[in-house]
Amino acid sequence: MSVQNLNSFDPFADEGDPLGGNNDVGSQQNYIHIRIQQRNGRKTLTTLQGLPKEYDSKKLLKAFKKEFACNGTLVDDEEMGQVIQLQGDQRVKIANFLTEEGIPKNTIKLHGF
């Protein structure tokens, strides 16, 4: 007699849930993630990751800094690749900027608060 109920089953496997099991980083690569991080006090940091390779991160960072009147930096991460960090809450501005440049809105994910 075998018990059928003991098989491992992931209910979110077909949905592509990012919190579900066995999701590798490759499935997340088609999205551009814009996150906000809290610093000390009311200060915040906006991060942009998952930018396609055909875009130059340095030129994009320079355009962001000029357009949004904020400071920023380019950070190399082992898992995420190049991450753009900007001072302040620039999530909506970055999303609007990227959609005006021709990136589809459904590939941009906003995270935070």
PDB file of N, CA and C in Angstrom:
ATOM      1  N   MET A   1       0.850  -1.180   0.000  1.00  0.00           N
ATOM      2  CA  MET A   1       0.000   0.000   0.000  1.00  0.00           C
ATOM      3  C   MET A   1       0.889   1.234   0.000  1.00  0.00           C
ATOM      4  N   SER A   2       0.689   2.115  -0.950  1.00  0.00           N
ATOM      5  CA  SER A   2       1.475   3.351  -1.014  1.00  0.00           C
ATOM      6  C   SER A   2       0.570   4.543  -0.756  1.00  0.00           C
ATOM      7  N   VAL A   3       1.145   5.523  -0.115  1.00  0.00           N
ATOM      8  CA  VAL A   3       0.392   6.731   0.212  1.00  0.00           C
ATOM      9  C   VAL A   3       0.686   7.781  -0.857  1.00  0.00           C
ATOM     10  N   GLN A   4      -0.330   8.245  -1.542  1.00  0.00           N
ATOM     11  CA  GLN A   4      -0.165   9.207  -2.631  1.00  0.00           C
ATOM     12  C   GLN A   4       0.027  10.632  -2.111  1.00  0.00           C
ATOM     13  N   ASN A   5      -0.315  10.852  -0.880  1.00  0.00           N
ATOM     14  CA  ASN A   5      -0.333  12.201  -0.321  1.00  0.00           C
ATOM     15  C   ASN A   5       1.050  12.718   0.052  1.00  0.00           C
ATOM     16  N   LEU A   6       2.083  11.872   0.047  1.00  0.00           N
ATOM     17  CA  LEU A   6       3.386  12.282   0.537  1.00  0.00           C
ATOM     18  C   LEU A   6       4.298  12.831  -0.555  1.00  0.00           C
ATOM     19  N   ASN A   7       3.809  12.916  -1.781  1.00  0.00           N
ATOM     20  CA  ASN A   7       4.626  13.498  -2.845  1.00  0.00           C
ATOM     21  C   ASN A   7       4.807  14.995  -2.600  1.00  0.00           C
ATOM     22  N   SER A   8       5.996  15.477  -2.938  1.00  0.00           N
ATOM     23  CA  SER A   8       6.205  16.917  -2.761  1.00  0.00           C
ATOM     24  C   SER A   8       5.482  17.651  -3.885  1.00  0.00           C
ATOM     25  N   PHE A   9       4.655  18.606  -3.503  1.00  0.00           N
ATOM     26  CA  PHE A   9       3.857  19.350  -4.459  1.00  0.00           C
ATOM     27  C   PHE A   9       3.970  20.831  -4.145  1.00  0.00           C
ATOM     28  N   ASP A  10       4.310  21.607  -5.158  1.00  0.00           N
ATOM     29  CA  ASP A  10       4.395  23.058  -4.986  1.00  0.00           C
ATOM     30  C   ASP A  10       3.184  23.688  -5.662  1.00  0.00           C
ATOM     31  N   PRO A  11       2.239  24.239  -4.895  1.00  0.00           N
ATOM     32  CA  PRO A  11       1.020  24.779  -5.502  1.00  0.00           C
ATOM     33  C   PRO A  11       1.282  26.024  -6.349  1.00  0.00           C
ATOM     34  N   PHE A  12       2.427  26.696  -6.156  1.00  0.00           N
ATOM     35  CA  PHE A  12       2.705  27.918  -6.890  1.00  0.00           C
ATOM     36  C   PHE A  12       3.688  27.704  -8.035  1.00  0.00           C
ATOM     37  N   ALA A  13       4.019  26.469  -8.360  1.00  0.00           N
ATOM     38  CA  ALA A  13       5.033  26.195  -9.381  1.00  0.00           C
ATOM     39  C   ALA A  13       4.606  26.694 -10.753  1.00  0.00           C
ATOM     40  N   ASP A  14       3.342  26.501 -11.125  1.00  0.00           N
ATOM     41  CA  ASP A  14       2.905  26.929 -12.454  1.00  0.00           C
ATOM     42  C   ASP A  14       2.623  28.419 -12.510  1.00  0.00           C
ATOM     43  N   GLU A  15       2.469  29.068 -11.371  1.00  0.00           N
ATOM     44  CA  GLU A  15       2.160  30.496 -11.336  1.00  0.00           C
ATOM     45  C   GLU A  15       3.402  31.358 -11.449  1.00  0.00           C
ATOM     46  N   GLY A  16       4.583  30.803 -11.183  1.00  0.00           N
ATOM     47  CA  GLY A  16       5.800  31.591 -11.230  1.00  0.00           C
ATOM     48  C   GLY A  16       5.922  32.525 -10.043  1.00  0.00           C
ATOM     49  N   ASP A  17       5.490  32.087  -8.871  1.00  0.00           N
ATOM     50  CA  ASP A  17       5.551  32.905  -7.669  1.00  0.00           C
ATOM     51  C   ASP A  17       7.006  33.097  -7.246  1.00  0.00           C
ATOM     52  N   PRO A  18       7.459  34.340  -7.037  1.00  0.00           N
ATOM     53  CA  PRO A  18       8.864  34.545  -6.664  1.00  0.00           C
ATOM     54  C   PRO A  18       9.208  33.978  -5.293  1.00  0.00           C
ATOM     55  N   LEU A  19       8.208  33.764  -4.427  1.00  0.00           N
ATOM     56  CA  LEU A  19       8.484  33.202  -3.103  1.00  0.00           C
ATOM     57  C   LEU A  19       8.397  31.683  -3.104  1.00  0.00           C
ATOM     58  N   GLY A  20       7.923  31.106  -4.198  1.00  0.00           N
ATOM     59  CA  GLY A  20       7.807  29.654  -4.286  1.00  0.00           C
ATOM     60  C   GLY A  20       9.169  29.002  -4.391  1.00  0.00           C
ATOM     61  N   GLY A  21       9.210  27.708  -4.221  1.00  0.00           N
ATOM     62  CA  GLY A  21      10.478  27.000  -4.243  1.00  0.00           C
ATOM     63  C   GLY A  21      11.023  26.799  -5.647  1.00  0.00           C
ATOM     64  N   ASN A  22      12.321  26.499  -5.711  1.00  0.00           N
ATOM     65  CA  ASN A  22      13.024  26.131  -6.942  1.00  0.00           C
ATOM     66  C   ASN A  22      12.980  27.207  -8.017  1.00  0.00           C
ATOM     67  N   ASN A  23      12.902  28.471  -7.652  1.00  0.00           N
ATOM     68  CA  ASN A  23      12.983  29.546  -8.633  1.00  0.00           C
ATOM     69  C   ASN A  23      14.425  29.991  -8.723  1.00  0.00           C
ATOM     70  N   ASP A  24      15.021  29.880  -9.909  1.00  0.00           N
ATOM     71  CA  ASP A  24      16.393  30.331 -10.053  1.00  0.00           C
ATOM     72  C   ASP A  24      16.402  31.798 -10.470  1.00  0.00           C
ATOM     73  N   VAL A  25      17.584  32.382 -10.442  1.00  0.00           N
ATOM     74  CA  VAL A  25      17.715  33.808 -10.733  1.00  0.00           C
ATOM     75  C   VAL A  25      17.408  34.079 -12.198  1.00  0.00           C
ATOM     76  N   GLY A  26      17.589  33.114 -13.070  1.00  0.00           N
ATOM     77  CA  GLY A  26      17.362  33.300 -14.494  1.00  0.00           C
ATOM     78  C   GLY A  26      15.926  33.658 -14.836  1.00  0.00           C
ATOM     79  N   SER A  27      14.963  33.192 -14.051  1.00  0.00           N
ATOM     80  CA  SER A  27      13.578  33.507 -14.344  1.00  0.00           C
ATOM     81  C   SER A  27      13.242  34.940 -13.955  1.00  0.00           C
ATOM     82  N   GLN A  28      14.050  35.542 -13.094  1.00  0.00           N
ATOM     83  CA  GLN A  28      13.814  36.915 -12.682  1.00  0.00           C
ATOM     84  C   GLN A  28      14.472  37.921 -13.621  1.00  0.00           C
ATOM     85  N   GLN A  29      15.283  37.450 -14.569  1.00  0.00           N
ATOM     86  CA  GLN A  29      16.093  38.350 -15.378  1.00  0.00           C
ATOM     87  C   GLN A  29      15.272  39.172 -16.358  1.00  0.00           C
ATOM     88  N   ASN A  30      14.066  38.735 -16.711  1.00  0.00           N
ATOM     89  CA  ASN A  30      13.305  39.480 -17.700  1.00  0.00           C
ATOM     90  C   ASN A  30      12.581  40.676 -17.091  1.00  0.00           C
ATOM     91  N   TYR A  31      12.683  40.886 -15.805  1.00  0.00           N
ATOM     92  CA  TYR A  31      12.055  42.021 -15.145  1.00  0.00           C
ATOM     93  C   TYR A  31      13.101  43.046 -14.718  1.00  0.00           C
ATOM     94  N   ILE A  32      12.687  44.305 -14.691  1.00  0.00           N
ATOM     95  CA  ILE A  32      13.501  45.380 -14.138  1.00  0.00           C
ATOM     96  C   ILE A  32      12.897  45.705 -12.777  1.00  0.00           C
ATOM     97  N   HIS A  33      13.676  45.558 -11.724  1.00  0.00           N
ATOM     98  CA  HIS A  33      13.179  45.756 -10.363  1.00  0.00           C
ATOM     99  C   HIS A  33      13.619  47.120  -9.855  1.00  0.00           C
ATOM    100  N   ILE A  34      12.658  47.903  -9.364  1.00  0.00           N
ATOM    101  CA  ILE A  34      12.932  49.201  -8.759  1.00  0.00           C
ATOM    102  C   ILE A  34      12.484  49.107  -7.309  1.00  0.00           C
ATOM    103  N   ARG A  35      13.460  49.210  -6.392  1.00  0.00           N
ATOM    104  CA  ARG A  35      13.171  49.051  -4.963  1.00  0.00           C
ATOM    105  C   ARG A  35      13.552  50.303  -4.195  1.00  0.00           C
ATOM    106  N   ILE A  36      13.009  50.419  -2.996  1.00  0.00           N
ATOM    107  CA  ILE A  36      13.381  51.512  -2.107  1.00  0.00           C
ATOM    108  C   ILE A  36      13.868  50.905  -0.804  1.00  0.00           C
ATOM    109  N   GLN A  37      14.939  51.492  -0.259  1.00  0.00           N
ATOM    110  CA  GLN A  37      15.489  51.040   1.014  1.00  0.00           C
ATOM    111  C   GLN A  37      15.513  52.219   1.973  1.00  0.00           C
ATOM    112  N   GLN A  38      15.175  51.955   3.219  1.00  0.00           N
ATOM    113  CA  GLN A  38      15.199  52.996   4.246  1.00  0.00           C
ATOM    114  C   GLN A  38      16.606  53.138   4.780  1.00  0.00           C
ATOM    115  N   ARG A  39      17.089  54.368   4.826  1.00  0.00           N
ATOM    116  CA  ARG A  39      18.366  54.654   5.465  1.00  0.00           C
ATOM    117  C   ARG A  39      18.078  55.196   6.855  1.00  0.00           C
ATOM    118  N   ASN A  40      18.945  56.043   7.370  1.00  0.00           N
ATOM    119  CA  ASN A  40      18.709  56.567   8.711  1.00  0.00           C
ATOM    120  C   ASN A  40      17.760  57.764   8.643  1.00  0.00           C
ATOM    121  N   GLY A  41      16.823  57.816   9.594  1.00  0.00           N
ATOM    122  CA  GLY A  41      15.859  58.906   9.632  1.00  0.00           C
ATOM    123  C   GLY A  41      14.867  58.801   8.482  1.00  0.00           C
ATOM    124  N   ARG A  42      14.648  59.915   7.791  1.00  0.00           N
ATOM    125  CA  ARG A  42      13.718  59.937   6.665  1.00  0.00           C
ATOM    126  C   ARG A  42      14.426  59.722   5.335  1.00  0.00           C
ATOM    127  N   LYS A  43      15.710  59.431   5.365  1.00  0.00           N
ATOM    128  CA  LYS A  43      16.489  59.265   4.141  1.00  0.00           C
ATOM    129  C   LYS A  43      16.190  57.912   3.501  1.00  0.00           C
ATOM    130  N   THR A  44      16.092  57.893   2.175  1.00  0.00           N
ATOM    131  CA  THR A  44      15.831  56.654   1.459  1.00  0.00           C
ATOM    132  C   THR A  44      16.812  56.497   0.306  1.00  0.00           C
ATOM    133  N   LEU A  45      16.874  55.283  -0.212  1.00  0.00           N
ATOM    134  CA  LEU A  45      17.764  54.922  -1.301  1.00  0.00           C
ATOM    135  C   LEU A  45      16.940  54.116  -2.304  1.00  0.00           C
ATOM    136  N   THR A  46      16.983  54.513  -3.574  1.00  0.00           N
ATOM    137  CA  THR A  46      16.262  53.792  -4.619  1.00  0.00           C
ATOM    138  C   THR A  46      17.254  52.968  -5.425  1.00  0.00           C
ATOM    139  N   THR A  47      16.956  51.672  -5.627  1.00  0.00           N
ATOM    140  CA  THR A  47      17.846  50.802  -6.381  1.00  0.00           C
ATOM    141  C   THR A  47      17.127  50.300  -7.634  1.00  0.00           C
ATOM    142  N   LEU A  48      17.890  50.193  -8.710  1.00  0.00           N
ATOM    143  CA  LEU A  48      17.390  49.711  -9.988  1.00  0.00           C
ATOM    144  C   LEU A  48      18.257  48.545 -10.420  1.00  0.00           C
ATOM    145  N   GLN A  49      17.649  47.380 -10.652  1.00  0.00           N
ATOM    146  CA  GLN A  49      18.416  46.207 -11.069  1.00  0.00           C
ATOM    147  C   GLN A  49      17.671  45.464 -12.155  1.00  0.00           C
ATOM    148  N   GLY A  50      18.409  44.615 -12.875  1.00  0.00           N
ATOM    149  CA  GLY A  50      17.820  43.808 -13.933  1.00  0.00           C
ATOM    150  C   GLY A  50      17.701  44.546 -15.249  1.00  0.00           C
ATOM    151  N   LEU A  51      18.507  45.573 -15.438  1.00  0.00           N
ATOM    152  CA  LEU A  51      18.478  46.343 -16.675  1.00  0.00           C
ATOM    153  C   LEU A  51      19.028  45.486 -17.818  1.00  0.00           C
ATOM    154  N   PRO A  52      18.390  45.490 -18.990  1.00  0.00           N
ATOM    155  CA  PRO A  52      18.914  44.704 -20.114  1.00  0.00           C
ATOM    156  C   PRO A  52      20.325  45.146 -20.494  1.00  0.00           C
ATOM    157  N   LYS A  53      21.081  44.210 -21.084  1.00  0.00           N
ATOM    158  CA  LYS A  53      22.493  44.456 -21.376  1.00  0.00           C
ATOM    159  C   LYS A  53      22.706  45.522 -22.438  1.00  0.00           C
ATOM    160  N   GLU A  54      21.698  45.766 -23.293  1.00  0.00           N
ATOM    161  CA  GLU A  54      21.920  46.727 -24.372  1.00  0.00           C
ATOM    162  C   GLU A  54      21.911  48.179 -23.893  1.00  0.00           C
ATOM    163  N   TYR A  55      21.532  48.404 -22.630  1.00  0.00           N
ATOM    164  CA  TYR A  55      21.544  49.758 -22.074  1.00  0.00           C
ATOM    165  C   TYR A  55      22.836  49.981 -21.305  1.00  0.00           C
ATOM    166  N   ASP A  56      23.451  51.146 -21.501  1.00  0.00           N
ATOM    167  CA  ASP A  56      24.681  51.492 -20.822  1.00  0.00           C
ATOM    168  C   ASP A  56      24.335  52.065 -19.447  1.00  0.00           C
ATOM    169  N   SER A  57      24.762  51.366 -18.391  1.00  0.00           N
ATOM    170  CA  SER A  57      24.396  51.772 -17.036  1.00  0.00           C
ATOM    171  C   SER A  57      24.999  53.115 -16.659  1.00  0.00           C
ATOM    172  N   LYS A  58      26.226  53.381 -17.105  1.00  0.00           N
ATOM    173  CA  LYS A  58      26.868  54.646 -16.743  1.00  0.00           C
ATOM    174  C   LYS A  58      26.147  55.834 -17.359  1.00  0.00           C
ATOM    175  N   LYS A  59      25.763  55.714 -18.625  1.00  0.00           N
ATOM    176  CA  LYS A  59      25.052  56.811 -19.275  1.00  0.00           C
ATOM    177  C   LYS A  59      23.665  56.990 -18.683  1.00  0.00           C
ATOM    178  N   LEU A  60      23.024  55.883 -18.353  1.00  0.00           N
ATOM    179  CA  LEU A  60      21.702  55.954 -17.749  1.00  0.00           C
ATOM    180  C   LEU A  60      21.763  56.602 -16.369  1.00  0.00           C
ATOM    181  N   LEU A  61      22.795  56.253 -15.580  1.00  0.00           N
ATOM    182  CA  LEU A  61      22.975  56.859 -14.271  1.00  0.00           C
ATOM    183  C   LEU A  61      23.188  58.360 -14.399  1.00  0.00           C
ATOM    184  N   LYS A  62      23.991  58.760 -15.369  1.00  0.00           N
ATOM    185  CA  LYS A  62      24.247  60.185 -15.575  1.00  0.00           C
ATOM    186  C   LYS A  62      22.960  60.923 -15.948  1.00  0.00           C
ATOM    187  N   ALA A  63      22.139  60.297 -16.798  1.00  0.00           N
ATOM    188  CA  ALA A  63      20.868  60.902 -17.189  1.00  0.00           C
ATOM    189  C   ALA A  63      19.911  60.988 -16.000  1.00  0.00           C
ATOM    190  N   PHE A  64      19.874  59.934 -15.167  1.00  0.00           N
ATOM    191  CA  PHE A  64      19.020  59.945 -13.973  1.00  0.00           C
ATOM    192  C   PHE A  64      19.421  61.082 -13.037  1.00  0.00           C
ATOM    193  N   LYS A  65      20.721  61.208 -12.790  1.00  0.00           N
ATOM    194  CA  LYS A  65      21.206  62.218 -11.855  1.00  0.00           C
ATOM    195  C   LYS A  65      20.869  63.626 -12.341  1.00  0.00           C
ATOM    196  N   LYS A  66      20.988  63.840 -13.642  1.00  0.00           N
ATOM    197  CA  LYS A  66      20.701  65.154 -14.198  1.00  0.00           C
ATOM    198  C   LYS A  66      19.202  65.430 -14.202  1.00  0.00           C
ATOM    199  N   GLU A  67      18.408  64.420 -14.582  1.00  0.00           N
ATOM    200  CA  GLU A  67      16.963  64.599 -14.716  1.00  0.00           C
ATOM    201  C   GLU A  67      16.268  64.751 -13.364  1.00  0.00           C
ATOM    202  N   PHE A  68      16.689  63.943 -12.368  1.00  0.00           N
ATOM    203  CA  PHE A  68      15.992  63.918 -11.084  1.00  0.00           C
ATOM    204  C   PHE A  68      16.642  64.800 -10.034  1.00  0.00           C
ATOM    205  N   ALA A  69      17.769  65.447 -10.356  1.00  0.00           N
ATOM    206  CA  ALA A  69      18.501  66.319  -9.429  1.00  0.00           C
ATOM    207  C   ALA A  69      18.820  65.589  -8.123  1.00  0.00           C
ATOM    208  N   CYS A  70      19.456  64.431  -8.247  1.00  0.00           N
ATOM    209  CA  CYS A  70      19.861  63.657  -7.082  1.00  0.00           C
ATOM    210  C   CYS A  70      21.221  63.038  -7.368  1.00  0.00           C
ATOM    211  N   ASN A  71      21.857  62.519  -6.339  1.00  0.00           N
ATOM    212  CA  ASN A  71      23.137  61.845  -6.524  1.00  0.00           C
ATOM    213  C   ASN A  71      22.886  60.347  -6.654  1.00  0.00           C
ATOM    214  N   GLY A  72      23.857  59.640  -7.235  1.00  0.00           N
ATOM    215  CA  GLY A  72      23.699  58.214  -7.411  1.00  0.00           C
ATOM    216  C   GLY A  72      25.028  57.549  -7.662  1.00  0.00           C
ATOM    217  N   THR A  73      25.011  56.221  -7.636  1.00  0.00           N
ATOM    218  CA  THR A  73      26.225  55.450  -7.853  1.00  0.00           C
ATOM    219  C   THR A  73      25.889  54.134  -8.527  1.00  0.00           C
ATOM    220  N   LEU A  74      26.914  53.490  -9.065  1.00  0.00           N
ATOM    221  CA  LEU A  74      26.783  52.203  -9.727  1.00  0.00           C
ATOM    222  C   LEU A  74      27.498  51.161  -8.880  1.00  0.00           C
ATOM    223  N   VAL A  75      26.781  50.116  -8.450  1.00  0.00           N
ATOM    224  CA  VAL A  75      27.332  49.103  -7.561  1.00  0.00           C
ATOM    225  C   VAL A  75      27.335  47.768  -8.292  1.00  0.00           C
ATOM    226  N   ASP A  76      28.459  47.051  -8.228  1.00  0.00           N
ATOM    227  CA  ASP A  76      28.542  45.713  -8.806  1.00  0.00           C
ATOM    228  C   ASP A  76      28.203  44.681  -7.747  1.00  0.00           C
ATOM    229  N   ASP A  77      27.195  43.850  -8.011  1.00  0.00           N
ATOM    230  CA  ASP A  77      26.766  42.804  -7.094  1.00  0.00           C
ATOM    231  C   ASP A  77      26.990  41.461  -7.768  1.00  0.00           C
ATOM    232  N   GLU A  78      27.398  40.447  -7.005  1.00  0.00           N
ATOM    233  CA  GLU A  78      27.683  39.140  -7.594  1.00  0.00           C
ATOM    234  C   GLU A  78      26.419  38.500  -8.165  1.00  0.00           C
ATOM    235  N   GLU A  79      25.306  38.576  -7.430  1.00  0.00           N
ATOM    236  CA  GLU A  79      24.079  37.924  -7.855  1.00  0.00           C
ATOM    237  C   GLU A  79      23.277  38.776  -8.829  1.00  0.00           C
ATOM    238  N   MET A  80      23.189  40.073  -8.565  1.00  0.00           N
ATOM    239  CA  MET A  80      22.292  40.938  -9.319  1.00  0.00           C
ATOM    240  C   MET A  80      22.958  41.633 -10.500  1.00  0.00           C
ATOM    241  N   GLY A  81      24.264  41.570 -10.610  1.00  0.00           N
ATOM    242  CA  GLY A  81      24.948  42.295 -11.673  1.00  0.00           C
ATOM    243  C   GLY A  81      25.148  43.744 -11.265  1.00  0.00           C
ATOM    244  N   GLN A  82      24.997  44.666 -12.223  1.00  0.00           N
ATOM    245  CA  GLN A  82      25.157  46.078 -11.901  1.00  0.00           C
ATOM    246  C   GLN A  82      23.849  46.634 -11.371  1.00  0.00           C
ATOM    247  N   VAL A  83      23.924  47.320 -10.238  1.00  0.00           N
ATOM    248  CA  VAL A  83      22.768  47.919  -9.599  1.00  0.00           C
ATOM    249  C   VAL A  83      22.988  49.424  -9.543  1.00  0.00           C
ATOM    250  N   ILE A  84      21.992  50.189  -9.983  1.00  0.00           N
ATOM    251  CA  ILE A  84      22.052  51.644  -9.901  1.00  0.00           C
ATOM    252  C   ILE A  84      21.383  52.064  -8.607  1.00  0.00           C
ATOM    253  N   GLN A  85      22.085  52.870  -7.801  1.00  0.00           N
ATOM    254  CA  GLN A  85      21.533  53.401  -6.562  1.00  0.00           C
ATOM    255  C   GLN A  85      21.367  54.905  -6.694  1.00  0.00           C
ATOM    256  N   LEU A  86      20.198  55.412  -6.323  1.00  0.00           N
ATOM    257  CA  LEU A  86      19.925  56.844  -6.357  1.00  0.00           C
ATOM    258  C   LEU A  86      19.433  57.304  -4.995  1.00  0.00           C
ATOM    259  N   GLN A  87      19.769  58.534  -4.632  1.00  0.00           N
ATOM    260  CA  GLN A  87      19.313  59.079  -3.363  1.00  0.00           C
ATOM    261  C   GLN A  87      17.860  59.498  -3.480  1.00  0.00           C
ATOM    262  N   GLY A  88      17.100  59.252  -2.417  1.00  0.00           N
ATOM    263  CA  GLY A  88      15.703  59.666  -2.369  1.00  0.00           C
ATOM    264  C   GLY A  88      14.774  58.630  -2.975  1.00  0.00           C
ATOM    265  N   ASP A  89      13.488  58.946  -2.943  1.00  0.00           N
ATOM    266  CA  ASP A  89      12.458  58.059  -3.494  1.00  0.00           C
ATOM    267  C   ASP A  89      12.221  58.447  -4.948  1.00  0.00           C
ATOM    268  N   GLN A  90      12.862  57.730  -5.869  1.00  0.00           N
ATOM    269  CA  GLN A  90      12.795  58.042  -7.296  1.00  0.00           C
ATOM    270  C   GLN A  90      12.074  56.945  -8.073  1.00  0.00           C
ATOM    271  N   ARG A  91      11.287  56.105  -7.395  1.00  0.00           N
ATOM    272  CA  ARG A  91      10.701  54.932  -8.053  1.00  0.00           C
ATOM    273  C   ARG A  91       9.794  55.295  -9.225  1.00  0.00           C
ATOM    274  N   VAL A  92       8.861  56.202  -8.999  1.00  0.00           N
ATOM    275  CA  VAL A  92       7.898  56.550 -10.042  1.00  0.00           C
ATOM    276  C   VAL A  92       8.598  57.285 -11.181  1.00  0.00           C
ATOM    277  N   LYS A  93       9.550  58.145 -10.846  1.00  0.00           N
ATOM    278  CA  LYS A  93      10.280  58.888 -11.874  1.00  0.00           C
ATOM    279  C   LYS A  93      11.090  57.945 -12.764  1.00  0.00           C
ATOM    280  N   ILE A  94      11.741  56.951 -12.148  1.00  0.00           N
ATOM    281  CA  ILE A  94      12.521  55.990 -12.929  1.00  0.00           C
ATOM    282  C   ILE A  94      11.600  55.179 -13.838  1.00  0.00           C
ATOM    283  N   ALA A  95      10.459  54.743 -13.315  1.00  0.00           N
ATOM    284  CA  ALA A  95       9.524  53.948 -14.121  1.00  0.00           C
ATOM    285  C   ALA A  95       9.018  54.759 -15.315  1.00  0.00           C
ATOM    286  N   ASN A  96       8.676  56.021 -15.091  1.00  0.00           N
ATOM    287  CA  ASN A  96       8.208  56.872 -16.186  1.00  0.00           C
ATOM    288  C   ASN A  96       9.316  57.112 -17.206  1.00  0.00           C
ATOM    289  N   PHE A  97      10.528  57.338 -16.733  1.00  0.00           N
ATOM    290  CA  PHE A  97      11.669  57.558 -17.618  1.00  0.00           C
ATOM    291  C   PHE A  97      11.909  56.344 -18.510  1.00  0.00           C
ATOM    292  N   LEU A  98      11.874  55.149 -17.913  1.00  0.00           N
ATOM    293  CA  LEU A  98      12.137  53.929 -18.677  1.00  0.00           C
ATOM    294  C   LEU A  98      11.028  53.632 -19.684  1.00  0.00           C
ATOM    295  N   THR A  99       9.767  53.926 -19.333  1.00  0.00           N
ATOM    296  CA  THR A  99       8.682  53.690 -20.285  1.00  0.00           C
ATOM    297  C   THR A  99       8.753  54.677 -21.445  1.00  0.00           C
ATOM    298  N   GLU A 100       9.204  55.903 -21.178  1.00  0.00           N
ATOM    299  CA  GLU A 100       9.377  56.866 -22.269  1.00  0.00           C
ATOM    300  C   GLU A 100      10.500  56.450 -23.205  1.00  0.00           C
ATOM    301  N   GLU A 101      11.486  55.699 -22.684  1.00  0.00           N
ATOM    302  CA  GLU A 101      12.600  55.246 -23.511  1.00  0.00           C
ATOM    303  C   GLU A 101      12.259  53.992 -24.314  1.00  0.00           C
ATOM    304  N   GLY A 102      11.051  53.449 -24.139  1.00  0.00           N
ATOM    305  CA  GLY A 102      10.622  52.333 -24.973  1.00  0.00           C
ATOM    306  C   GLY A 102      10.608  50.988 -24.281  1.00  0.00           C
ATOM    307  N   ILE A 103      10.856  50.953 -22.985  1.00  0.00           N
ATOM    308  CA  ILE A 103      10.785  49.686 -22.249  1.00  0.00           C
ATOM    309  C   ILE A 103       9.322  49.445 -21.868  1.00  0.00           C
ATOM    310  N   PRO A 104       8.779  48.263 -22.172  1.00  0.00           N
ATOM    311  CA  PRO A 104       7.367  48.008 -21.842  1.00  0.00           C
ATOM    312  C   PRO A 104       7.102  48.092 -20.343  1.00  0.00           C
ATOM    313  N   LYS A 105       5.924  48.635 -20.006  1.00  0.00           N
ATOM    314  CA  LYS A 105       5.572  48.858 -18.598  1.00  0.00           C
ATOM    315  C   LYS A 105       5.378  47.550 -17.842  1.00  0.00           C
ATOM    316  N   ASN A 106       5.006  46.466 -18.538  1.00  0.00           N
ATOM    317  CA  ASN A 106       4.766  45.202 -17.842  1.00  0.00           C
ATOM    318  C   ASN A 106       6.060  44.492 -17.448  1.00  0.00           C
ATOM    319  N   THR A 107       7.229  44.971 -17.908  1.00  0.00           N
ATOM    320  CA  THR A 107       8.497  44.373 -17.493  1.00  0.00           C
ATOM    321  C   THR A 107       9.116  45.110 -16.321  1.00  0.00           C
ATOM    322  N   ILE A 108       8.488  46.192 -15.843  1.00  0.00           N
ATOM    323  CA  ILE A 108       9.030  46.974 -14.728  1.00  0.00           C
ATOM    324  C   ILE A 108       8.230  46.651 -13.479  1.00  0.00           C
ATOM    325  N   LYS A 109       8.933  46.253 -12.419  1.00  0.00           N
ATOM    326  CA  LYS A 109       8.281  45.936 -11.148  1.00  0.00           C
ATOM    327  C   LYS A 109       8.712  46.949 -10.101  1.00  0.00           C
ATOM    328  N   LEU A 110       7.737  47.603  -9.464  1.00  0.00           N
ATOM    329  CA  LEU A 110       8.000  48.548  -8.381  1.00  0.00           C
ATOM    330  C   LEU A 110       7.808  47.828  -7.055  1.00  0.00           C
ATOM    331  N   HIS A 111       8.784  47.973  -6.155  1.00  0.00           N
ATOM    332  CA  HIS A 111       8.712  47.344  -4.841  1.00  0.00           C
ATOM    333  C   HIS A 111       8.807  48.425  -3.770  1.00  0.00           C
ATOM    334  N   GLY A 112       8.295  48.124  -2.595  1.00  0.00           N
ATOM    335  CA  GLY A 112       8.463  49.009  -1.452  1.00  0.00           C
ATOM    336  C   GLY A 112       7.168  49.607  -0.966  1.00  0.00           C
ATOM    337  N   PHE A 113       7.211  50.108   0.208  1.00  0.00           N
ATOM    338  CA  PHE A 113       6.144  50.755   0.965  1.00  0.00           C
ATOM    339  C   PHE A 113       4.767  50.449   0.406  1.00  0.00           C
TER     340      PHE A 113
END
